[in-house]
Protein backbone atom coordinates (compact mmCIF):
# COMPACT_ATOMS: atom_id res chain seq x y z
CA MET A 1 23.52 16.59 18.20
CA THR A 2 20.95 14.09 17.81
CA ASN A 3 20.12 12.50 14.36
CA LEU A 4 16.73 12.74 13.01
CA ASN A 5 14.56 11.00 10.55
CA PRO A 6 13.33 12.89 7.56
CA PRO A 7 10.06 14.75 8.90
CA GLY A 8 7.00 13.16 8.35
CA LEU A 9 3.26 13.00 8.70
CA MET A 10 0.76 10.37 9.35
CA ILE A 11 -2.55 10.47 7.20
CA SER A 12 -5.47 8.79 9.44
CA ALA A 13 -9.10 9.08 9.94
CA PRO A 14 -11.67 8.46 12.21
CA SER A 15 -12.70 5.14 10.57
CA SER A 16 -12.39 3.40 7.49
CA GLY A 17 -14.12 4.55 4.00
CA THR A 18 -13.36 8.28 4.87
CA GLY A 19 -11.19 8.51 1.59
CA LYS A 20 -7.87 8.65 3.22
CA THR A 21 -6.26 6.34 0.67
CA THR A 22 -7.25 8.92 -1.96
CA VAL A 23 -5.85 11.52 -0.14
CA MET A 24 -2.50 9.60 0.70
CA LEU A 25 -2.03 8.65 -3.05
CA GLY A 26 -2.97 12.53 -4.29
CA LEU A 27 -0.68 13.80 -1.31
CA LEU A 28 2.31 11.49 -2.48
CA ARG A 29 2.29 12.33 -5.86
CA ALA A 30 1.64 16.10 -5.42
CA LEU A 31 4.82 16.16 -3.07
CA ALA A 32 6.97 14.01 -5.60
CA GLU A 33 6.00 16.57 -8.45
CA ASP A 34 7.17 19.45 -5.93
CA GLY A 35 10.42 17.94 -6.31
CA LEU A 36 10.62 16.01 -2.97
CA THR A 37 11.60 12.62 -2.34
CA VAL A 38 8.82 10.91 -0.63
CA GLN A 39 9.02 7.65 1.55
CA PRO A 40 5.75 6.32 1.90
CA TYR A 41 4.70 3.96 4.91
CA LYS A 42 1.44 1.71 5.80
CA SER A 43 0.79 1.43 9.64
CA GLY A 44 -0.51 -1.91 10.26
CA PRO A 45 -0.75 -5.26 8.06
CA ASP A 46 -2.38 -4.10 4.85
CA TYR A 47 -0.50 -5.54 1.87
CA ILE A 48 -2.61 -4.08 -1.05
CA ASP A 49 -1.83 -0.12 -0.29
CA PRO A 50 1.84 -0.41 -0.33
CA ALA A 51 1.96 -1.03 -4.05
CA PHE A 52 -0.51 1.87 -4.74
CA HIS A 53 2.04 4.01 -2.69
CA LEU A 54 4.90 2.84 -4.83
CA ALA A 55 2.90 3.82 -8.08
CA ALA A 56 2.27 7.24 -6.69
CA ALA A 57 5.62 8.22 -4.99
CA LYS A 58 8.19 5.99 -6.99
CA ARG A 59 9.47 4.53 -3.94
CA PRO A 60 8.86 1.60 -2.04
CA SER A 61 6.60 1.50 0.71
CA PHE A 62 6.81 -0.40 3.95
CA ASN A 63 4.44 -1.37 6.92
CA LEU A 64 4.97 -0.31 10.42
CA ASP A 65 3.54 -2.58 12.72
CA THR A 66 3.65 -2.17 16.43
CA TRP A 67 1.74 -5.57 17.26
CA ALA A 68 3.72 -7.67 14.84
CA MET A 69 7.35 -6.14 15.16
CA ASP A 70 9.72 -5.59 17.70
CA GLY A 71 11.64 -2.36 18.30
CA GLY A 72 14.50 -3.75 16.47
CA LEU A 73 12.61 -4.43 13.16
CA LEU A 74 10.67 -1.18 13.62
CA ASP A 75 13.76 0.51 13.39
CA ALA A 76 15.20 -1.52 10.55
CA VAL A 77 11.85 -0.57 8.52
CA THR A 78 12.13 3.17 9.58
CA ALA A 79 15.55 3.22 8.38
CA GLN A 80 14.29 2.68 4.83
CA SER A 81 13.62 6.42 4.99
CA ALA A 82 17.18 7.00 4.19
CA GLY A 83 17.93 9.61 1.50
CA ALA A 84 14.24 10.79 1.76
CA GLU A 85 13.21 14.44 2.21
CA ILE A 86 9.60 13.72 3.74
CA CYS A 87 7.86 10.74 5.08
CA VAL A 88 4.11 10.04 4.78
CA GLY A 89 2.35 7.12 6.49
CA GLU A 90 -1.01 5.90 5.98
CA GLY A 91 -3.11 4.76 8.90
CA SER A 92 -5.33 1.43 9.03
CA MET A 93 -9.17 1.53 9.84
CA GLY A 94 -9.72 4.72 12.58
CA LEU A 95 -6.65 6.60 14.32
CA TYR A 96 -6.84 4.56 17.51
CA ASP A 97 -8.09 0.99 16.38
CA GLY A 98 -5.82 -1.88 17.36
CA VAL A 99 -6.11 -4.98 19.16
CA ALA A 100 -7.14 -5.57 22.54
CA THR A 101 -4.09 -7.51 23.66
CA ARG A 102 -0.52 -6.01 23.45
CA GLY A 103 1.94 -7.55 20.79
CA GLN A 104 5.70 -7.13 20.33
CA SER A 105 5.83 -3.22 21.01
CA GLY A 106 2.11 -2.25 21.20
CA PHE A 107 -1.38 -2.76 20.23
CA GLY A 108 -1.02 -2.21 16.44
CA SER A 109 -2.75 1.30 16.35
CA SER A 110 -1.71 4.16 13.56
CA ALA A 111 -1.60 6.52 16.72
CA GLU A 112 1.19 4.32 18.33
CA THR A 113 3.12 4.34 14.88
CA ALA A 114 2.91 8.13 14.68
CA LYS A 115 3.94 8.77 18.14
CA ARG A 116 6.82 6.27 17.72
CA MET A 117 7.72 7.75 14.57
CA GLY A 118 7.06 11.46 15.85
CA TRP A 119 4.79 12.22 13.00
CA PRO A 120 2.12 14.85 13.57
CA VAL A 121 -1.57 13.31 12.42
CA VAL A 122 -3.49 14.74 9.76
CA LEU A 123 -7.05 13.72 9.77
CA VAL A 124 -9.46 13.03 7.18
CA VAL A 125 -12.66 13.62 8.14
CA ASP A 126 -15.68 12.68 6.05
CA VAL A 127 -18.20 15.66 6.64
CA GLY A 128 -21.06 14.20 4.73
CA GLY A 129 -24.29 14.84 6.77
CA GLN A 130 -22.98 17.22 9.08
CA ALA A 131 -21.41 20.48 9.36
CA GLN A 132 -20.32 22.07 12.63
CA SER A 133 -20.86 18.87 14.54
CA ALA A 134 -17.55 17.45 12.55
CA ALA A 135 -15.35 19.43 14.80
CA ALA A 136 -16.61 17.42 17.96
CA THR A 137 -15.12 14.69 15.96
CA ALA A 138 -11.95 16.14 15.32
CA LEU A 139 -11.69 17.49 18.68
CA GLY A 140 -12.11 13.97 20.41
CA PHE A 141 -9.47 12.52 18.28
CA LYS A 142 -7.15 15.40 19.06
CA ASN A 143 -7.76 15.31 22.84
CA TYR A 144 -7.99 11.55 23.09
CA ASP A 145 -4.37 11.29 23.39
CA PRO A 146 -2.99 14.67 24.36
CA GLU A 147 0.62 13.30 23.80
CA LEU A 148 -0.11 12.45 20.12
CA PRO A 149 1.18 15.63 17.93
CA PHE A 150 -1.87 16.55 15.79
CA ALA A 151 -1.50 18.57 12.47
CA GLY A 152 -4.96 19.40 11.53
CA VAL A 153 -7.89 17.90 9.19
CA ILE A 154 -8.74 17.69 5.99
CA LEU A 155 -12.59 17.96 5.09
CA ASN A 156 -13.67 15.35 2.52
CA ARG A 157 -16.87 15.07 0.47
CA VAL A 158 -17.88 18.73 1.23
CA ALA A 159 -21.16 19.48 -0.60
CA SER A 160 -21.12 22.98 -1.50
CA PRO A 161 -19.42 26.41 -0.29
CA ARG A 162 -21.92 26.88 2.38
CA HIS A 163 -21.38 23.39 3.92
CA GLU A 164 -17.60 24.04 4.02
CA ARG A 165 -18.09 27.69 5.60
CA LEU A 166 -20.23 26.15 8.29
CA THR A 167 -17.74 23.36 8.79
CA ARG A 168 -14.79 25.52 9.32
CA LEU A 169 -16.56 27.60 11.61
CA GLY A 170 -17.10 24.57 13.96
CA MET A 171 -13.19 23.53 13.21
CA GLU A 172 -12.23 27.10 14.06
CA LYS A 173 -14.25 27.37 17.21
CA ALA A 174 -12.71 24.00 18.48
CA GLY A 175 -8.98 25.50 17.55
CA ILE A 176 -8.54 22.69 14.98
CA LYS A 177 -6.40 23.86 11.57
CA VAL A 178 -8.17 23.02 8.37
CA LEU A 179 -5.49 22.06 5.86
CA GLY A 180 -7.98 21.33 3.04
CA SER A 181 -11.29 21.02 2.02
CA LEU A 182 -12.30 18.55 -0.60
CA PRO A 183 -15.38 18.68 -2.52
CA ARG A 184 -17.57 15.63 -2.82
CA ARG A 185 -16.62 13.88 -6.29
CA GLY A 186 -17.73 10.29 -7.00
CA ASP A 187 -15.07 9.49 -9.85
CA LEU A 188 -12.50 9.50 -6.88
CA THR A 189 -13.15 6.20 -5.39
CA LEU A 190 -10.74 3.44 -6.41
CA PRO A 191 -12.17 0.08 -7.74
CA GLU A 192 -12.78 -2.52 -4.74
CA ARG A 193 -13.37 -6.42 -4.13
CA HIS A 194 -14.04 -8.42 -1.24
CA LEU A 195 -10.43 -7.71 0.30
CA GLY A 196 -10.83 -3.96 -0.09
CA LEU A 197 -8.88 -2.48 -3.19
CA ILE A 198 -8.10 -4.19 -6.15
CA GLN A 199 -4.51 -4.83 -6.60
CA ALA A 200 -2.61 -1.92 -8.21
CA VAL A 201 -1.32 -4.14 -10.92
CA GLU A 202 -5.15 -4.62 -11.78
CA HIS A 203 -6.35 -0.95 -11.96
CA PRO A 204 -7.04 -0.18 -15.65
CA ASP A 205 -5.33 3.18 -15.68
CA LEU A 206 -3.50 3.70 -12.33
CA GLU A 207 -1.25 6.35 -13.58
CA ALA A 208 -3.98 8.65 -14.76
CA ALA A 209 -5.83 8.00 -11.44
CA ILE A 210 -3.02 9.21 -9.45
CA ALA A 211 -2.27 12.15 -11.31
CA GLY A 212 -6.05 13.13 -11.22
CA TYR A 213 -5.85 12.73 -7.22
CA ALA A 214 -2.63 14.81 -7.07
CA SER A 215 -4.33 17.59 -9.18
CA PHE A 216 -7.44 17.29 -7.26
CA LEU A 217 -5.40 17.85 -3.75
CA ARG A 218 -3.27 20.35 -5.39
CA GLU A 219 -6.42 22.56 -6.05
CA HIS A 220 -7.85 21.94 -2.54
CA VAL A 221 -5.40 21.53 -0.06
CA ASP A 222 -2.71 23.72 1.49
CA LEU A 223 0.36 21.91 0.54
CA GLU A 224 2.67 24.28 2.12
CA ALA A 225 1.01 24.20 5.22
CA ILE A 226 1.11 19.92 5.31
CA LYS A 227 5.06 20.24 4.32
CA ALA A 228 5.53 22.77 7.30
CA ALA A 229 3.25 20.66 9.67
CA ALA A 230 5.80 17.83 9.06
CA MET A 231 7.99 16.73 12.21
CA ALA A 232 11.27 14.70 12.46
CA GLY A 233 11.41 12.06 14.78
CA GLN A 234 14.60 10.47 16.37
CA ALA A 235 16.67 8.52 13.81
CA PRO A 236 16.40 4.53 14.78
CA ALA A 237 19.28 2.54 15.94
CA PRO A 238 21.05 0.21 13.53
CA ALA A 239 19.15 -2.83 12.89
CA SER A 240 18.58 -5.42 10.31
CA LEU A 241 15.72 -6.61 8.00
CA PRO A 242 14.69 -10.48 8.41
CA THR A 243 17.06 -12.52 6.81
CA PRO A 244 16.21 -14.90 3.66
CA PRO A 245 15.18 -18.35 4.15
CA ALA A 246 17.41 -19.52 1.00
CA GLN A 247 19.91 -17.90 -1.23
CA ARG A 248 18.10 -18.51 -4.60
CA ILE A 249 14.10 -17.90 -4.19
CA ALA A 250 12.00 -18.87 -7.00
CA LEU A 251 8.92 -16.12 -6.06
CA ALA A 252 5.60 -16.49 -8.03
CA ARG A 253 4.77 -13.07 -9.15
CA ASP A 254 1.68 -11.92 -11.21
CA ALA A 255 -1.85 -10.99 -10.60
CA ALA A 256 -2.54 -14.29 -9.02
CA PHE A 257 0.30 -13.95 -6.34
CA SER A 258 1.27 -10.81 -5.27
CA PHE A 259 1.29 -10.34 -1.44
CA THR A 260 4.66 -10.38 0.29
CA TYR A 261 5.35 -7.63 2.69
CA PRO A 262 8.08 -5.26 1.13
CA HIS A 263 10.18 -5.47 4.33
CA LEU A 264 10.63 -9.39 3.74
CA LEU A 265 11.91 -8.95 -0.13
CA THR A 266 14.19 -6.01 0.83
CA GLY A 267 15.53 -7.66 3.67
CA TRP A 268 16.37 -10.85 1.78
CA ARG A 269 17.66 -8.75 -1.17
CA ALA A 270 20.09 -6.89 1.47
CA ALA A 271 21.40 -10.07 2.73
CA GLY A 272 22.44 -11.33 -0.68
CA ALA A 273 19.64 -13.70 -1.91
CA GLU A 274 18.77 -13.74 -5.28
CA ILE A 275 14.83 -13.27 -6.03
CA LEU A 276 13.98 -15.23 -9.33
CA PRO A 277 10.26 -14.19 -10.00
CA PHE A 278 8.07 -16.55 -12.25
CA SER A 279 4.43 -16.22 -13.41
CA PRO A 280 2.40 -19.29 -12.65
CA LEU A 281 -0.43 -17.41 -14.95
CA ALA A 282 2.12 -17.27 -17.75
CA ASP A 283 2.35 -20.89 -17.11
CA GLU A 284 6.09 -20.57 -16.18
CA ALA A 285 8.16 -23.07 -14.06
CA PRO A 286 10.40 -21.53 -11.38
CA ALA A 287 13.95 -21.44 -11.96
CA ALA A 288 15.26 -25.40 -12.03
CA ASP A 289 18.53 -24.19 -9.78
CA ALA A 290 16.31 -22.44 -7.14
CA ASP A 291 16.70 -23.39 -3.65
CA LEU A 292 13.43 -22.37 -2.67
CA VAL A 293 9.97 -21.86 -4.44
CA TRP A 294 7.62 -19.52 -2.69
CA LEU A 295 3.99 -18.67 -3.56
CA PRO A 296 2.77 -15.69 -1.98
CA GLY A 297 -0.56 -14.73 -1.35
CA GLY A 298 -3.00 -13.19 -3.81
CA TYR A 299 -6.16 -13.96 -5.98
CA PRO A 300 -6.03 -17.84 -7.21
CA GLU A 301 -9.61 -18.31 -7.06
CA LEU A 302 -10.32 -15.65 -9.65
CA HIS A 303 -7.72 -17.56 -12.15
CA GLY A 304 -8.57 -21.29 -11.05
CA GLY A 305 -9.07 -22.52 -14.90
CA THR A 306 -5.76 -20.96 -15.80
CA LEU A 307 -3.68 -22.09 -13.21
CA ALA A 308 -5.21 -25.60 -13.43
CA ALA A 309 -4.22 -25.71 -16.98
CA ALA A 310 -0.99 -24.31 -16.23
CA GLU A 311 1.11 -27.61 -16.88
CA THR A 312 4.73 -26.26 -17.23
CA PHE A 313 3.96 -24.46 -13.81
CA ARG A 314 2.77 -27.65 -12.35
CA THR A 315 5.33 -30.00 -13.60
CA GLY A 316 8.05 -27.48 -12.43
CA VAL A 317 7.12 -26.91 -8.70
CA ARG A 318 6.23 -30.49 -8.44
CA LYS A 319 9.79 -31.52 -9.47
CA HIS A 320 11.24 -28.97 -7.29
CA ALA A 321 9.33 -30.48 -4.17
CA GLU A 322 10.67 -33.86 -4.64
CA THR A 323 14.03 -32.64 -3.40
CA LYS A 324 13.68 -28.98 -2.05
CA PRO A 325 11.36 -26.78 -0.14
CA VAL A 326 8.12 -25.25 -1.42
CA HIS A 327 6.14 -22.61 1.01
CA GLY A 328 2.79 -21.07 0.31
CA GLU A 329 0.96 -18.50 2.32
CA CYS A 330 -2.83 -17.89 1.96
CA GLY A 331 -3.35 -17.97 -1.82
CA GLY A 332 -0.26 -19.90 -2.41
CA TYR A 333 -1.15 -22.26 0.15
CA MET A 334 -4.50 -23.18 -1.44
CA ALA A 335 -2.69 -23.34 -4.85
CA LEU A 336 -0.21 -26.17 -3.19
CA GLY A 337 -3.54 -28.07 -2.52
CA GLU A 338 -5.56 -31.01 -4.13
CA ALA A 339 -8.35 -28.28 -5.33
CA LEU A 340 -10.07 -24.95 -5.28
CA ILE A 341 -13.66 -24.32 -5.74
CA ASP A 342 -14.44 -20.92 -6.87
CA LYS A 343 -17.51 -19.07 -5.94
CA GLU A 344 -19.62 -20.41 -9.01
CA GLY A 345 -18.51 -23.72 -7.24
CA THR A 346 -16.33 -25.04 -10.20
CA ARG A 347 -13.67 -27.31 -9.03
CA HIS A 348 -10.34 -26.47 -10.02
CA ALA A 349 -7.22 -28.91 -9.96
CA MET A 350 -4.30 -27.31 -8.05
CA LEU A 351 -0.72 -28.50 -7.63
CA GLY A 352 -1.63 -31.47 -5.41
CA LEU A 353 1.52 -31.40 -3.24
CA LEU A 354 -0.84 -30.94 -0.29
CA GLY A 355 -4.19 -32.49 0.32
CA LEU A 356 -5.83 -29.02 1.10
CA VAL A 357 -9.23 -28.43 -0.49
CA THR A 358 -10.71 -25.06 -0.11
CA SER A 359 -14.00 -23.44 -1.44
CA TYR A 360 -14.82 -20.11 -2.14
CA GLU A 361 -18.58 -21.30 -2.72
CA LYS A 362 -18.91 -21.33 0.83
CA ARG A 363 -17.48 -18.22 2.29
CA LYS A 364 -16.38 -17.61 5.51
CA PHE A 365 -14.43 -14.65 6.58
CA HIS A 366 -11.36 -14.66 8.05
CA LEU A 367 -9.40 -11.56 9.44
CA GLY A 368 -6.82 -10.71 12.20
CA TYR A 369 -3.14 -11.17 13.77
CA ARG A 370 -1.55 -14.76 14.13
CA ARG A 371 0.94 -15.62 16.40
CA ALA A 372 2.04 -19.47 15.22
CA VAL A 373 4.51 -21.47 16.88
CA LEU A 374 6.06 -24.08 14.31
CA GLN A 375 5.31 -27.81 15.16
CA ALA A 376 7.73 -28.58 12.43
CA GLY A 377 10.46 -26.61 10.51
CA MET A 378 9.60 -24.45 7.37
CA PRO A 379 12.01 -22.47 5.26
CA GLY A 380 13.83 -19.81 7.12
CA PHE A 381 12.52 -21.32 10.60
CA CYS A 382 13.08 -24.23 12.77
CA ALA A 383 10.53 -26.10 14.74
CA GLY A 384 9.56 -24.21 17.96
CA THR A 385 9.86 -20.78 16.36
CA ALA A 386 7.28 -18.26 16.92
CA LEU A 387 5.97 -16.33 13.96
CA ARG A 388 3.72 -13.22 13.67
CA GLY A 389 1.60 -12.86 10.72
CA HIS A 390 -1.91 -11.56 9.42
CA GLU A 391 -4.87 -13.70 7.88
CA PHE A 392 -7.19 -12.10 5.60
CA HIS A 393 -9.35 -14.32 2.95
CA TYR A 394 -13.02 -15.67 2.35
CA SER A 395 -11.96 -19.17 1.88
CA THR A 396 -13.38 -22.25 3.66
CA ILE A 397 -11.41 -25.66 4.30
CA LEU A 398 -13.24 -28.36 3.05
CA GLU A 399 -10.24 -30.88 3.57
CA GLU A 400 -6.85 -30.38 5.45
CA PRO A 401 -5.53 -34.13 6.01
CA ASP A 402 -1.63 -33.46 6.27
CA ALA A 403 0.04 -32.70 9.47
CA PRO A 404 -0.41 -29.47 10.94
CA LEU A 405 2.40 -27.10 10.61
CA ALA A 406 1.94 -24.76 13.55
CA ASN A 407 0.17 -23.99 16.90
CA VAL A 408 -1.85 -20.80 15.70
CA LYS A 409 -3.52 -18.49 17.79
CA ASP A 410 -5.08 -14.74 17.38
CA ALA A 411 -4.15 -11.71 18.59
CA ASP A 412 -5.75 -12.23 22.16
CA GLY A 413 -4.37 -15.87 22.56
CA GLY A 414 -7.55 -17.49 21.12
CA PRO A 415 -6.80 -20.85 19.27
CA VAL A 416 -7.13 -20.65 15.52
CA PRO A 417 -8.00 -23.77 13.52
CA GLU A 418 -6.14 -22.77 10.46
CA THR A 419 -2.73 -24.41 11.49
CA GLY A 420 -1.05 -24.78 8.15
CA SER A 421 0.13 -28.07 6.75
CA ILE A 422 3.39 -30.06 5.84
CA LYS A 423 4.16 -32.77 3.92
CA GLY A 424 7.62 -33.68 2.81
CA HIS A 425 9.54 -30.69 1.48
CA VAL A 426 6.17 -28.73 1.07
CA THR A 427 4.63 -26.36 3.74
CA GLY A 428 1.76 -23.84 3.74
CA THR A 429 0.01 -21.11 6.04
CA PHE A 430 -3.16 -19.08 5.64
CA PHE A 431 -1.46 -16.20 7.69
CA HIS A 432 0.98 -13.85 5.61
CA LEU A 433 4.47 -14.13 7.55
CA ILE A 434 5.48 -10.72 8.66
CA THR A 435 8.42 -11.79 11.04
CA GLY A 436 9.74 -14.31 13.16
CA GLU A 437 10.04 -13.44 17.11
CA SER A 438 13.37 -12.91 18.29
CA ALA A 439 14.53 -14.92 20.90
């Protein structure tokens, strides 16, 4: 008999902004309240949503990314569901949205993830401004790929009982199962900033918000039908998560530095590495006996003055960099630089280990997958290695005088000018690392 994964579902939508994150968080908590051990996942390179999933399900969430990950890594991430009774994945953007050029396993769409995992799709449809016509949208998504299992729809932002009745009539005519109908409520939106949702650690009362979402879903969604719709896919082949770049890793961890993909940290710990968290915002130095200092991405631009004044942090990282490696990605890369200029135009002195100067006063949007071939080694990878990652920020480079770290291209192979930097033992990139390509 073939071993199976726990049964699962993919929560997706026709586009961003339909309310699927609210549905996801409410569903995770409601299922957990019903006594199920729930394994959350995020399809695609989002690094904010998994922290919300953890808060809702009380179990770490992992990214599944068909563009960045090969089959082995996808299997290793899939295996993190061991011990769970149901898996719930949250899609990115619209169900079929991905990139134009195939990556390691696919194009990065939520539909690909759902098919690979064997998860039926629950489509969250914003029915505002339409009624029966919403069924045509749902039917198109169901039929666009007939091989994709389709569980049904949750209607969101329903204006009135009459609106719901008409919308349900359309779905019935199209043969689409309605799993729930959520009335329009303005208090259900999560706080946002320029990168999307605020971080989970910054939410003023996240626990109360999630509990409210769960109650709302329990009242308006057929939870038993959703549980029954979940399907199990074939169990993954044995595979390993990424190995650690050092044995003792001092990891910056606070509201300014928080974006590291969960599968990386889980893989590092599983291989025996010690993760030693420290808070730059609290003016803490990294552990003196750490082998590596790692500054993740985050929001240093919101804390420029605090970081500039953090002398213990500054002294500790500089001393470490004299003899041992330091790496930063995105916000961490900016913090390694000479200065960061915030959106008001105030210049804040950073660590000065690289010559990088970045500005949020001159905003420029950078978004997309990155494939980087290292021109020099960085922690965990030697020169010539190809890395896969994702870049997402609004800063502009004013100065980047140090040697380039990598030859960086976008998902379609187009050149990307943000090459990262290397100087002595210090390296940095604007992309967040997902994995190194296997040889």
